[in-house]
Amino acid sequence: MPYDRPWKSFAEQLELLKSRGMVVTDEPAALDYLERVGYYRLSAYWYPFRHFEVIEDPKTGKPTTRALDEFQPGTQFVDAVRLYLFDKQLRLYVADALERIEISLRVDVAYLLGRRSPFAHIENTKAHFHPRFVSKPFSRSNPISRFDAWLNKYRGLVARSKEDFVRHYHRTHGDELPIWVAVEVMDFGAISQLLNMMHPRDQQAIADRYGVPDWKVFNSWVFSLSYLRNLVAHHSRLWNRNITSKPKLPQAGVLGWCDAFIEDEETRFKPFLLLAITRMLVKAVCPNTEWHQRVADHLDNFPEQHSSKQLTLSGMGVTEDWRAWW
């Protein structure tokens, strides 16, 4: 299907929004946001204010919804801007917490592997790694083992690194970096994958440090946080989105705050569960942190809107009892 939507100037973009029923009370400010933030990015925040109709999916025959080019009565440009700013600040809070968690995990992995061998991360032995997991194919289309796929990724990270300490170690100690240096060139994804391959006893030892009684649950949490890290790093929207990485949860009653997510399956596809996981792990890293309180205050200040359709935190998967345990 050919693309038939032409380029529009910023002024034309604003006129298009007004023609669809959006109220613009400050045109210079609205144009400024279109010029600095962009129509497409902001459209994610005014999308929920559009009218929707139920139609039949031509492929499945099932009912589905389609957005119309018309806004709910009273929708203002500032409503989308306030949601955008709310989401931006939330991403900044999350980035702060994920930095602490990522650095802490680097230390955990390096400490456990390093006491067995300085180069344990490149030694595929049963003492270091889960023998069945590391030998599995990376994917259906790529028969290389998961360990070899990870090793290729790691070596690529080392080769691309511009850090002075990497050049220093290569110059003075040889080609291979010991694990306590190597973790400093790994991104969150590489750390998550390395943790996932480690021997279960080591995975459980790390999980225990964060108060998670099941290493498989903890492993899935770290993997999901690496996904969250990518969202934040690319300035992607957190509010009102579905997540593609669904974390495992312990059995009911093991971690009380998880029970609401266990009872309501839909919340497990929303970002608030990832925020709750972040809260638990960052409190384990920094017991005296006030991060969770800052986030709670921010959620409590969810912006009000002028539209006849009032949006809430439920779009993020926030549970009704969240203030009782947060």
C-alpha atoms as a PDB file:
ATOM      1  CA  MET A   1       0.000   0.000   0.000  1.00  0.00           C
ATOM      2  CA  PRO A   2       1.582   3.340  -1.044  1.00  0.00           C
ATOM      3  CA  TYR A   3       2.150   5.957   1.651  1.00  0.00           C
ATOM      4  CA  ASP A   4      -0.153   8.923   0.972  1.00  0.00           C
ATOM      5  CA  ARG A   5       0.448  11.304   3.879  1.00  0.00           C
ATOM      6  CA  PRO A   6       2.375  14.414   2.790  1.00  0.00           C
ATOM      7  CA  TRP A   7       4.944  16.427   4.729  1.00  0.00           C
ATOM      8  CA  LYS A   8       3.383  19.263   6.740  1.00  0.00           C
ATOM      9  CA  SER A   9       4.882  22.374   8.245  1.00  0.00           C
ATOM     10  CA  PHE A  10       4.579  22.897  11.995  1.00  0.00           C
ATOM     11  CA  ALA A  11       1.822  25.455  11.430  1.00  0.00           C
ATOM     12  CA  GLU A  12      -0.045  22.974   9.200  1.00  0.00           C
ATOM     13  CA  GLN A  13       0.320  20.265  11.841  1.00  0.00           C
ATOM     14  CA  LEU A  14      -1.272  22.547  14.409  1.00  0.00           C
ATOM     15  CA  GLU A  15      -4.115  23.456  12.063  1.00  0.00           C
ATOM     16  CA  LEU A  16      -4.741  19.750  11.434  1.00  0.00           C
ATOM     17  CA  LEU A  17      -5.118  19.131  15.165  1.00  0.00           C
ATOM     18  CA  LYS A  18      -7.503  22.057  15.515  1.00  0.00           C
ATOM     19  CA  SER A  19      -9.585  20.802  12.580  1.00  0.00           C
ATOM     20  CA  ARG A  20     -10.017  17.508  14.428  1.00  0.00           C
ATOM     21  CA  GLY A  21     -11.412  19.218  17.509  1.00  0.00           C
ATOM     22  CA  MET A  22      -8.326  19.844  19.654  1.00  0.00           C
ATOM     23  CA  VAL A  23      -8.453  23.073  21.647  1.00  0.00           C
ATOM     24  CA  VAL A  24      -5.256  25.145  21.448  1.00  0.00           C
ATOM     25  CA  THR A  25      -5.223  27.929  24.029  1.00  0.00           C
ATOM     26  CA  ASP A  26      -1.624  29.071  23.415  1.00  0.00           C
ATOM     27  CA  GLU A  27      -0.610  28.694  19.785  1.00  0.00           C
ATOM     28  CA  PRO A  28       3.017  29.920  20.143  1.00  0.00           C
ATOM     29  CA  ALA A  29       3.608  27.425  22.974  1.00  0.00           C
ATOM     30  CA  ALA A  30       1.965  24.628  20.982  1.00  0.00           C
ATOM     31  CA  LEU A  31       4.128  25.394  17.943  1.00  0.00           C
ATOM     32  CA  ASP A  32       7.188  25.423  20.185  1.00  0.00           C
ATOM     33  CA  TYR A  33       6.407  21.900  21.422  1.00  0.00           C
ATOM     34  CA  LEU A  34       5.803  20.648  17.890  1.00  0.00           C
ATOM     35  CA  GLU A  35       9.172  22.087  16.869  1.00  0.00           C
ATOM     36  CA  ARG A  36      11.101  20.731  19.887  1.00  0.00           C
ATOM     37  CA  VAL A  37       9.344  17.436  20.647  1.00  0.00           C
ATOM     38  CA  GLY A  38       7.679  16.538  17.374  1.00  0.00           C
ATOM     39  CA  TYR A  39       4.175  15.697  16.217  1.00  0.00           C
ATOM     40  CA  TYR A  40       4.697  11.944  16.160  1.00  0.00           C
ATOM     41  CA  ARG A  41       6.097  11.691  19.696  1.00  0.00           C
ATOM     42  CA  LEU A  42       3.335  13.853  21.121  1.00  0.00           C
ATOM     43  CA  SER A  43       0.690  11.897  19.201  1.00  0.00           C
ATOM     44  CA  ALA A  44       1.175   8.963  21.602  1.00  0.00           C
ATOM     45  CA  TYR A  45      -0.084  11.215  24.394  1.00  0.00           C
ATOM     46  CA  TRP A  46      -3.118  12.627  22.595  1.00  0.00           C
ATOM     47  CA  TYR A  47      -4.045   9.284  21.016  1.00  0.00           C
ATOM     48  CA  PRO A  48      -6.183   8.133  24.020  1.00  0.00           C
ATOM     49  CA  PHE A  49      -8.233  11.339  23.705  1.00  0.00           C
ATOM     50  CA  ARG A  50      -9.437  10.395  20.210  1.00  0.00           C
ATOM     51  CA  HIS A  51     -12.842   8.916  19.455  1.00  0.00           C
ATOM     52  CA  PHE A  52     -12.875   5.168  18.799  1.00  0.00           C
ATOM     53  CA  GLU A  53     -15.291   2.865  17.020  1.00  0.00           C
ATOM     54  CA  VAL A  54     -15.718  -0.892  17.138  1.00  0.00           C
ATOM     55  CA  ILE A  55     -15.241  -2.652  13.794  1.00  0.00           C
ATOM     56  CA  GLU A  56     -14.764  -6.208  12.615  1.00  0.00           C
ATOM     57  CA  ASP A  57     -11.164  -7.239  12.014  1.00  0.00           C
ATOM     58  CA  PRO A  58     -10.998  -8.220   8.310  1.00  0.00           C
ATOM     59  CA  LYS A  59      -8.444 -10.946   9.033  1.00  0.00           C
ATOM     60  CA  THR A  60      -9.885 -12.575  12.162  1.00  0.00           C
ATOM     61  CA  GLY A  61     -13.515 -11.521  11.997  1.00  0.00           C
ATOM     62  CA  LYS A  62     -13.338 -10.510  15.662  1.00  0.00           C
ATOM     63  CA  PRO A  63     -14.371  -7.110  17.045  1.00  0.00           C
ATOM     64  CA  THR A  64     -11.570  -4.570  17.316  1.00  0.00           C
ATOM     65  CA  THR A  65     -11.320  -0.824  17.856  1.00  0.00           C
ATOM     66  CA  ARG A  66     -10.225   1.812  15.392  1.00  0.00           C
ATOM     67  CA  ALA A  67      -9.189   5.359  16.226  1.00  0.00           C
ATOM     68  CA  LEU A  68     -11.039   8.128  14.423  1.00  0.00           C
ATOM     69  CA  ASP A  69      -9.571  11.464  13.372  1.00  0.00           C
ATOM     70  CA  GLU A  70     -11.641  13.295  15.952  1.00  0.00           C
ATOM     71  CA  PHE A  71     -10.902  14.233  19.571  1.00  0.00           C
ATOM     72  CA  GLN A  72     -13.107  13.888  22.618  1.00  0.00           C
ATOM     73  CA  PRO A  73     -14.912  17.143  23.553  1.00  0.00           C
ATOM     74  CA  GLY A  74     -12.731  19.531  25.541  1.00  0.00           C
ATOM     75  CA  THR A  75      -9.404  17.928  24.625  1.00  0.00           C
ATOM     76  CA  GLN A  76      -6.632  20.513  24.815  1.00  0.00           C
ATOM     77  CA  PHE A  77      -3.130  20.458  23.373  1.00  0.00           C
ATOM     78  CA  VAL A  78      -1.833  21.077  26.884  1.00  0.00           C
ATOM     79  CA  ASP A  79      -3.380  17.768  28.027  1.00  0.00           C
ATOM     80  CA  ALA A  80      -0.976  15.858  25.790  1.00  0.00           C
ATOM     81  CA  VAL A  81       1.950  18.054  26.846  1.00  0.00           C
ATOM     82  CA  ARG A  82       1.294  17.448  30.540  1.00  0.00           C
ATOM     83  CA  LEU A  83       1.137  13.685  29.993  1.00  0.00           C
ATOM     84  CA  TYR A  84       4.373  13.869  28.015  1.00  0.00           C
ATOM     85  CA  LEU A  85       6.115  15.789  30.809  1.00  0.00           C
ATOM     86  CA  PHE A  86       4.719  13.383  33.422  1.00  0.00           C
ATOM     87  CA  ASP A  87       6.110  10.454  31.449  1.00  0.00           C
ATOM     88  CA  LYS A  88       9.458  12.170  30.890  1.00  0.00           C
ATOM     89  CA  GLN A  89       9.958  12.711  34.625  1.00  0.00           C
ATOM     90  CA  LEU A  90       8.949   9.107  35.307  1.00  0.00           C
ATOM     91  CA  ARG A  91      11.622   7.903  32.869  1.00  0.00           C
ATOM     92  CA  LEU A  92      14.219  10.022  34.669  1.00  0.00           C
ATOM     93  CA  TYR A  93      13.283   8.420  38.000  1.00  0.00           C
ATOM     94  CA  VAL A  94      13.462   4.956  36.455  1.00  0.00           C
ATOM     95  CA  ALA A  95      16.834   5.666  34.836  1.00  0.00           C
ATOM     96  CA  ASP A  96      18.230   6.666  38.232  1.00  0.00           C
ATOM     97  CA  ALA A  97      17.086   3.424  39.865  1.00  0.00           C
ATOM     98  CA  LEU A  98      18.152   1.164  37.002  1.00  0.00           C
ATOM     99  CA  GLU A  99      21.647   2.643  37.086  1.00  0.00           C
ATOM    100  CA  ARG A 100      21.995   1.610  40.734  1.00  0.00           C
ATOM    101  CA  ILE A 101      20.606  -1.873  40.067  1.00  0.00           C
ATOM    102  CA  GLU A 102      22.767  -2.451  36.996  1.00  0.00           C
ATOM    103  CA  ILE A 103      25.968  -1.431  38.764  1.00  0.00           C
ATOM    104  CA  SER A 104      25.091  -3.593  41.760  1.00  0.00           C
ATOM    105  CA  LEU A 105      24.467  -6.600  39.507  1.00  0.00           C
ATOM    106  CA  ARG A 106      27.840  -6.081  37.853  1.00  0.00           C
ATOM    107  CA  VAL A 107      29.488  -6.369  41.258  1.00  0.00           C
ATOM    108  CA  ASP A 108      27.441  -9.460  42.180  1.00  0.00           C
ATOM    109  CA  VAL A 109      28.278 -11.322  38.974  1.00  0.00           C
ATOM    110  CA  ALA A 110      31.967 -10.373  39.041  1.00  0.00           C
ATOM    111  CA  TYR A 111      32.352 -11.321  42.710  1.00  0.00           C
ATOM    112  CA  LEU A 112      30.844 -14.801  42.386  1.00  0.00           C
ATOM    113  CA  LEU A 113      32.499 -15.742  39.095  1.00  0.00           C
ATOM    114  CA  GLY A 114      35.794 -14.026  39.870  1.00  0.00           C
ATOM    115  CA  ARG A 115      36.523 -15.987  43.028  1.00  0.00           C
ATOM    116  CA  ARG A 116      36.632 -19.163  40.926  1.00  0.00           C
ATOM    117  CA  SER A 117      38.584 -17.723  38.014  1.00  0.00           C
ATOM    118  CA  PRO A 118      39.488 -14.215  36.836  1.00  0.00           C
ATOM    119  CA  PHE A 119      38.339 -15.290  33.370  1.00  0.00           C
ATOM    120  CA  ALA A 120      35.286 -17.347  34.332  1.00  0.00           C
ATOM    121  CA  HIS A 121      33.086 -15.358  31.947  1.00  0.00           C
ATOM    122  CA  ILE A 122      34.901 -16.805  28.915  1.00  0.00           C
ATOM    123  CA  GLU A 123      35.377 -20.304  30.360  1.00  0.00           C
ATOM    124  CA  ASN A 124      32.371 -22.463  29.519  1.00  0.00           C
ATOM    125  CA  THR A 125      32.639 -24.961  32.372  1.00  0.00           C
ATOM    126  CA  LYS A 126      30.098 -26.669  34.617  1.00  0.00           C
ATOM    127  CA  ALA A 127      31.613 -24.930  37.626  1.00  0.00           C
ATOM    128  CA  HIS A 128      30.581 -21.538  36.300  1.00  0.00           C
ATOM    129  CA  PHE A 129      27.489 -22.088  34.188  1.00  0.00           C
ATOM    130  CA  HIS A 130      24.293 -24.087  33.858  1.00  0.00           C
ATOM    131  CA  PRO A 131      25.474 -26.881  31.496  1.00  0.00           C
ATOM    132  CA  ARG A 132      22.135 -27.474  29.780  1.00  0.00           C
ATOM    133  CA  PHE A 133      21.308 -23.818  29.288  1.00  0.00           C
ATOM    134  CA  VAL A 134      24.576 -22.588  27.791  1.00  0.00           C
ATOM    135  CA  SER A 135      24.560 -25.340  25.172  1.00  0.00           C
ATOM    136  CA  LYS A 136      21.057 -24.584  23.888  1.00  0.00           C
ATOM    137  CA  PRO A 137      20.799 -23.016  20.409  1.00  0.00           C
ATOM    138  CA  PHE A 138      20.573 -19.255  20.492  1.00  0.00           C
ATOM    139  CA  SER A 139      17.447 -19.353  18.326  1.00  0.00           C
ATOM    140  CA  ARG A 140      15.654 -21.500  15.787  1.00  0.00           C
ATOM    141  CA  SER A 141      17.317 -19.645  12.946  1.00  0.00           C
ATOM    142  CA  ASN A 142      20.739 -19.467  14.602  1.00  0.00           C
ATOM    143  CA  PRO A 143      22.142 -22.810  15.815  1.00  0.00           C
ATOM    144  CA  ILE A 144      25.079 -21.224  17.644  1.00  0.00           C
ATOM    145  CA  SER A 145      25.007 -21.970  21.382  1.00  0.00           C
ATOM    146  CA  ARG A 146      23.718 -19.332  23.781  1.00  0.00           C
ATOM    147  CA  PHE A 147      27.113 -19.106  25.414  1.00  0.00           C
ATOM    148  CA  ASP A 148      28.897 -18.549  22.100  1.00  0.00           C
ATOM    149  CA  ALA A 149      26.278 -15.970  21.079  1.00  0.00           C
ATOM    150  CA  TRP A 150      26.808 -14.135  24.361  1.00  0.00           C
ATOM    151  CA  LEU A 151      30.590 -14.380  23.975  1.00  0.00           C
ATOM    152  CA  ASN A 152      30.377 -12.830  20.510  1.00  0.00           C
ATOM    153  CA  LYS A 153      28.292  -9.987  21.904  1.00  0.00           C
ATOM    154  CA  TYR A 154      30.712  -9.465  24.780  1.00  0.00           C
ATOM    155  CA  ARG A 155      33.749  -9.384  22.499  1.00  0.00           C
ATOM    156  CA  GLY A 156      31.961  -6.845  20.336  1.00  0.00           C
ATOM    157  CA  LEU A 157      31.363  -4.627  23.369  1.00  0.00           C
ATOM    158  CA  VAL A 158      35.063  -4.835  24.286  1.00  0.00           C
ATOM    159  CA  ALA A 159      36.162  -4.072  20.723  1.00  0.00           C
ATOM    160  CA  ARG A 160      33.908  -1.003  20.531  1.00  0.00           C
ATOM    161  CA  SER A 161      34.830   0.315  23.972  1.00  0.00           C
ATOM    162  CA  LYS A 162      36.695   3.627  24.083  1.00  0.00           C
ATOM    163  CA  GLU A 163      37.378   3.433  27.821  1.00  0.00           C
ATOM    164  CA  ASP A 164      40.905   4.208  28.989  1.00  0.00           C
ATOM    165  CA  PHE A 165      40.906   1.255  31.403  1.00  0.00           C
ATOM    166  CA  VAL A 166      40.304  -1.169  28.521  1.00  0.00           C
ATOM    167  CA  ARG A 167      43.303   0.147  26.597  1.00  0.00           C
ATOM    168  CA  HIS A 168      45.364   0.054  29.789  1.00  0.00           C
ATOM    169  CA  TYR A 169      44.566  -3.607  30.497  1.00  0.00           C
ATOM    170  CA  HIS A 170      45.221  -4.602  26.900  1.00  0.00           C
ATOM    171  CA  ARG A 171      48.535  -2.783  26.930  1.00  0.00           C
ATOM    172  CA  THR A 172      49.785  -4.034  30.285  1.00  0.00           C
ATOM    173  CA  HIS A 173      48.060  -7.389  30.871  1.00  0.00           C
ATOM    174  CA  GLY A 174      47.105  -8.878  27.508  1.00  0.00           C
ATOM    175  CA  ASP A 175      44.005  -9.347  25.376  1.00  0.00           C
ATOM    176  CA  GLU A 176      41.573 -10.739  27.962  1.00  0.00           C
ATOM    177  CA  LEU A 177      39.933  -8.655  30.667  1.00  0.00           C
ATOM    178  CA  PRO A 178      39.343 -10.238  34.093  1.00  0.00           C
ATOM    179  CA  ILE A 179      35.686 -10.483  35.049  1.00  0.00           C
ATOM    180  CA  TRP A 180      35.813  -7.573  37.505  1.00  0.00           C
ATOM    181  CA  VAL A 181      36.993  -5.336  34.654  1.00  0.00           C
ATOM    182  CA  ALA A 182      34.935  -7.017  31.926  1.00  0.00           C
ATOM    183  CA  VAL A 183      31.603  -6.251  33.615  1.00  0.00           C
ATOM    184  CA  GLU A 184      32.304  -2.545  33.221  1.00  0.00           C
ATOM    185  CA  VAL A 185      31.993  -2.791  29.439  1.00  0.00           C
ATOM    186  CA  MET A 186      28.827  -4.923  29.544  1.00  0.00           C
ATOM    187  CA  ASP A 187      25.451  -3.320  29.018  1.00  0.00           C
ATOM    188  CA  PHE A 188      22.366  -4.309  31.020  1.00  0.00           C
ATOM    189  CA  GLY A 189      21.392  -6.856  28.390  1.00  0.00           C
ATOM    190  CA  ALA A 190      24.796  -8.578  28.487  1.00  0.00           C
ATOM    191  CA  ILE A 191      24.709  -8.706  32.291  1.00  0.00           C
ATOM    192  CA  SER A 192      21.197 -10.165  32.197  1.00  0.00           C
ATOM    193  CA  GLN A 193      22.237 -12.845  29.702  1.00  0.00           C
ATOM    194  CA  LEU A 194      25.378 -13.735  31.662  1.00  0.00           C
ATOM    195  CA  LEU A 195      23.389 -14.025  34.886  1.00  0.00           C
ATOM    196  CA  ASN A 196      20.866 -16.221  33.083  1.00  0.00           C
ATOM    197  CA  MET A 197      23.638 -18.692  32.147  1.00  0.00           C
ATOM    198  CA  MET A 198      25.256 -18.874  35.580  1.00  0.00           C
ATOM    199  CA  HIS A 199      24.994 -21.957  37.774  1.00  0.00           C
ATOM    200  CA  PRO A 200      21.644 -22.006  39.651  1.00  0.00           C
ATOM    201  CA  ARG A 201      23.422 -21.914  43.025  1.00  0.00           C
ATOM    202  CA  ASP A 202      25.039 -18.617  42.048  1.00  0.00           C
ATOM    203  CA  GLN A 203      21.816 -17.243  40.640  1.00  0.00           C
ATOM    204  CA  GLN A 204      20.058 -18.079  43.905  1.00  0.00           C
ATOM    205  CA  ALA A 205      22.852 -16.490  45.940  1.00  0.00           C
ATOM    206  CA  ILE A 206      22.361 -13.249  44.026  1.00  0.00           C
ATOM    207  CA  ALA A 207      18.569 -13.487  44.211  1.00  0.00           C
ATOM    208  CA  ASP A 208      18.788 -13.917  47.997  1.00  0.00           C
ATOM    209  CA  ARG A 209      20.699 -10.664  48.274  1.00  0.00           C
ATOM    210  CA  TYR A 210      17.698  -8.862  46.781  1.00  0.00           C
ATOM    211  CA  GLY A 211      15.138 -10.726  48.877  1.00  0.00           C
ATOM    212  CA  VAL A 212      13.774 -12.867  46.015  1.00  0.00           C
ATOM    213  CA  PRO A 213      13.307 -16.513  47.100  1.00  0.00           C
ATOM    214  CA  ASP A 214      13.239 -18.036  43.602  1.00  0.00           C
ATOM    215  CA  TRP A 215      16.204 -17.589  41.230  1.00  0.00           C
ATOM    216  CA  LYS A 216      14.023 -18.244  38.177  1.00  0.00           C
ATOM    217  CA  VAL A 217      11.721 -15.397  39.205  1.00  0.00           C
ATOM    218  CA  PHE A 218      14.695 -13.131  39.853  1.00  0.00           C
ATOM    219  CA  ASN A 219      16.225 -14.042  36.501  1.00  0.00           C
ATOM    220  CA  SER A 220      13.041 -13.049  34.695  1.00  0.00           C
ATOM    221  CA  TRP A 221      12.958  -9.786  36.652  1.00  0.00           C
ATOM    222  CA  VAL A 222      16.452  -8.827  35.556  1.00  0.00           C
ATOM    223  CA  PHE A 223      15.606  -9.690  31.964  1.00  0.00           C
ATOM    224  CA  SER A 224      12.479  -7.512  32.162  1.00  0.00           C
ATOM    225  CA  LEU A 225      14.461  -4.648  33.659  1.00  0.00           C
ATOM    226  CA  SER A 226      16.914  -4.847  30.761  1.00  0.00           C
ATOM    227  CA  TYR A 227      13.869  -4.354  28.506  1.00  0.00           C
ATOM    228  CA  LEU A 228      12.773  -1.417  30.692  1.00  0.00           C
ATOM    229  CA  ARG A 229      16.306  -0.009  30.458  1.00  0.00           C
ATOM    230  CA  ASN A 230      16.049  -0.038  26.664  1.00  0.00           C
ATOM    231  CA  LEU A 231      12.727   1.797  26.772  1.00  0.00           C
ATOM    232  CA  VAL A 232      14.161   4.475  29.027  1.00  0.00           C
ATOM    233  CA  ALA A 233      17.415   4.788  27.066  1.00  0.00           C
ATOM    234  CA  HIS A 234      15.482   5.382  23.853  1.00  0.00           C
ATOM    235  CA  HIS A 235      13.092   7.862  25.533  1.00  0.00           C
ATOM    236  CA  SER A 236      10.144   5.602  24.778  1.00  0.00           C
ATOM    237  CA  ARG A 237       6.760   6.048  26.404  1.00  0.00           C
ATOM    238  CA  LEU A 238       6.153   4.219  29.706  1.00  0.00           C
ATOM    239  CA  TRP A 239       2.684   5.448  30.548  1.00  0.00           C
ATOM    240  CA  ASN A 240      -0.273   3.653  28.982  1.00  0.00           C
ATOM    241  CA  ARG A 241       1.691   1.006  27.081  1.00  0.00           C
ATOM    242  CA  ASN A 242       1.779  -2.767  27.016  1.00  0.00           C
ATOM    243  CA  ILE A 243       5.109  -4.410  27.792  1.00  0.00           C
ATOM    244  CA  THR A 244       6.451  -7.298  25.751  1.00  0.00           C
ATOM    245  CA  SER A 245       8.533  -8.775  28.569  1.00  0.00           C
ATOM    246  CA  LYS A 246       6.251 -10.487  31.083  1.00  0.00           C
ATOM    247  CA  PRO A 247       8.073 -11.148  34.403  1.00  0.00           C
ATOM    248  CA  LYS A 248       7.493 -14.306  36.386  1.00  0.00           C
ATOM    249  CA  LEU A 249       5.927 -13.933  39.825  1.00  0.00           C
ATOM    250  CA  PRO A 250       6.351 -16.065  42.964  1.00  0.00           C
ATOM    251  CA  GLN A 251       3.499 -18.066  44.380  1.00  0.00           C
ATOM    252  CA  ALA A 252       0.767 -16.113  46.151  1.00  0.00           C
ATOM    253  CA  GLY A 253       1.727 -15.075  49.671  1.00  0.00           C
ATOM    254  CA  VAL A 254       5.493 -15.311  49.167  1.00  0.00           C
ATOM    255  CA  LEU A 255       5.929 -11.612  48.413  1.00  0.00           C
ATOM    256  CA  GLY A 256       2.758  -9.874  49.512  1.00  0.00           C
ATOM    257  CA  TRP A 257       2.941  -6.960  47.094  1.00  0.00           C
ATOM    258  CA  CYS A 258       2.949  -9.403  44.157  1.00  0.00           C
ATOM    259  CA  ASP A 259      -0.464 -10.839  45.013  1.00  0.00           C
ATOM    260  CA  ALA A 260      -2.448  -8.058  43.325  1.00  0.00           C
ATOM    261  CA  PHE A 261      -0.558  -8.688  40.086  1.00  0.00           C
ATOM    262  CA  ILE A 262      -1.139 -12.434  40.395  1.00  0.00           C
ATOM    263  CA  GLU A 263      -4.885 -11.901  40.815  1.00  0.00           C
ATOM    264  CA  ASP A 264      -5.161  -9.475  37.886  1.00  0.00           C
ATOM    265  CA  GLU A 265      -3.438 -10.968  34.856  1.00  0.00           C
ATOM    266  CA  GLU A 266      -3.797  -7.770  32.810  1.00  0.00           C
ATOM    267  CA  THR A 267      -1.503  -5.813  35.142  1.00  0.00           C
ATOM    268  CA  ARG A 268       1.382  -8.137  34.262  1.00  0.00           C
ATOM    269  CA  PHE A 269       1.481  -6.596  30.786  1.00  0.00           C
ATOM    270  CA  LYS A 270       1.749  -3.031  32.083  1.00  0.00           C
ATOM    271  CA  PRO A 271       4.799  -1.016  33.188  1.00  0.00           C
ATOM    272  CA  PHE A 272       3.700  -0.550  36.805  1.00  0.00           C
ATOM    273  CA  LEU A 273       4.781  -4.126  37.579  1.00  0.00           C
ATOM    274  CA  LEU A 274       8.261  -3.239  36.316  1.00  0.00           C
ATOM    275  CA  LEU A 275       8.205  -0.150  38.539  1.00  0.00           C
ATOM    276  CA  ALA A 276       7.254  -2.338  41.507  1.00  0.00           C
ATOM    277  CA  ILE A 277      10.123  -4.721  40.746  1.00  0.00           C
ATOM    278  CA  THR A 278      12.480  -1.767  40.422  1.00  0.00           C
ATOM    279  CA  ARG A 279      11.279  -0.480  43.789  1.00  0.00           C
ATOM    280  CA  MET A 280      12.049  -3.784  45.530  1.00  0.00           C
ATOM    281  CA  LEU A 281      15.514  -4.164  43.996  1.00  0.00           C
ATOM    282  CA  VAL A 282      16.618  -0.573  44.471  1.00  0.00           C
ATOM    283  CA  LYS A 283      15.595  -0.741  48.138  1.00  0.00           C
ATOM    284  CA  ALA A 284      17.774  -3.840  48.488  1.00  0.00           C
ATOM    285  CA  VAL A 285      20.709  -1.972  46.930  1.00  0.00           C
ATOM    286  CA  CYS A 286      20.120   1.250  48.886  1.00  0.00           C
ATOM    287  CA  PRO A 287      18.080   0.482  52.044  1.00  0.00           C
ATOM    288  CA  ASN A 288      17.849   4.163  53.005  1.00  0.00           C
ATOM    289  CA  THR A 289      16.748   5.365  49.597  1.00  0.00           C
ATOM    290  CA  GLU A 290      13.765   7.669  49.192  1.00  0.00           C
ATOM    291  CA  TRP A 291      13.437   6.807  45.495  1.00  0.00           C
ATOM    292  CA  HIS A 292      10.158   4.986  45.999  1.00  0.00           C
ATOM    293  CA  GLN A 293       8.690   7.961  47.855  1.00  0.00           C
ATOM    294  CA  ARG A 294       9.651  10.329  45.040  1.00  0.00           C
ATOM    295  CA  VAL A 295       7.980   8.026  42.542  1.00  0.00           C
ATOM    296  CA  ALA A 296       4.862   7.719  44.732  1.00  0.00           C
ATOM    297  CA  ASP A 297       4.621  11.515  44.962  1.00  0.00           C
ATOM    298  CA  HIS A 298       4.990  11.723  41.208  1.00  0.00           C
ATOM    299  CA  LEU A 299       2.223   9.180  40.605  1.00  0.00           C
ATOM    300  CA  ASP A 300      -0.016  11.042  43.021  1.00  0.00           C
ATOM    301  CA  ASN A 301       0.454  14.145  40.852  1.00  0.00           C
ATOM    302  CA  PHE A 302      -0.848  12.500  37.691  1.00  0.00           C
ATOM    303  CA  PRO A 303      -2.019  15.448  35.571  1.00  0.00           C
ATOM    304  CA  GLU A 304      -5.658  16.395  35.342  1.00  0.00           C
ATOM    305  CA  GLN A 305      -7.153  16.806  31.883  1.00  0.00           C
ATOM    306  CA  HIS A 306      -9.755  19.018  30.276  1.00  0.00           C
ATOM    307  CA  SER A 307     -11.159  16.290  28.028  1.00  0.00           C
ATOM    308  CA  SER A 308     -14.526  14.682  28.674  1.00  0.00           C
ATOM    309  CA  LYS A 309     -12.564  11.403  28.718  1.00  0.00           C
ATOM    310  CA  GLN A 310     -10.493  11.425  31.918  1.00  0.00           C
ATOM    311  CA  LEU A 311      -7.362   9.248  31.823  1.00  0.00           C
ATOM    312  CA  THR A 312      -6.003   7.602  34.975  1.00  0.00           C
ATOM    313  CA  LEU A 313      -3.026   5.612  36.212  1.00  0.00           C
ATOM    314  CA  SER A 314      -4.867   2.406  35.362  1.00  0.00           C
ATOM    315  CA  GLY A 315      -3.353   2.727  31.904  1.00  0.00           C
ATOM    316  CA  MET A 316      -0.021   1.876  33.513  1.00  0.00           C
ATOM    317  CA  GLY A 317      -1.405  -1.109  35.389  1.00  0.00           C
ATOM    318  CA  VAL A 318      -1.375   0.612  38.785  1.00  0.00           C
ATOM    319  CA  THR A 319      -3.165  -1.629  41.279  1.00  0.00           C
ATOM    320  CA  GLU A 320      -5.885  -0.321  43.577  1.00  0.00           C
ATOM    321  CA  ASP A 321      -3.916  -1.212  46.724  1.00  0.00           C
ATOM    322  CA  TRP A 322      -0.551   0.170  45.616  1.00  0.00           C
ATOM    323  CA  ARG A 323      -0.307   2.876  48.300  1.00  0.00           C
ATOM    324  CA  ALA A 324      -0.701   0.256  51.069  1.00  0.00           C
ATOM    325  CA  TRP A 325       2.541  -1.553  50.185  1.00  0.00           C
ATOM    326  CA  TRP A 326       4.563   0.897  48.108  1.00  0.00           C
END
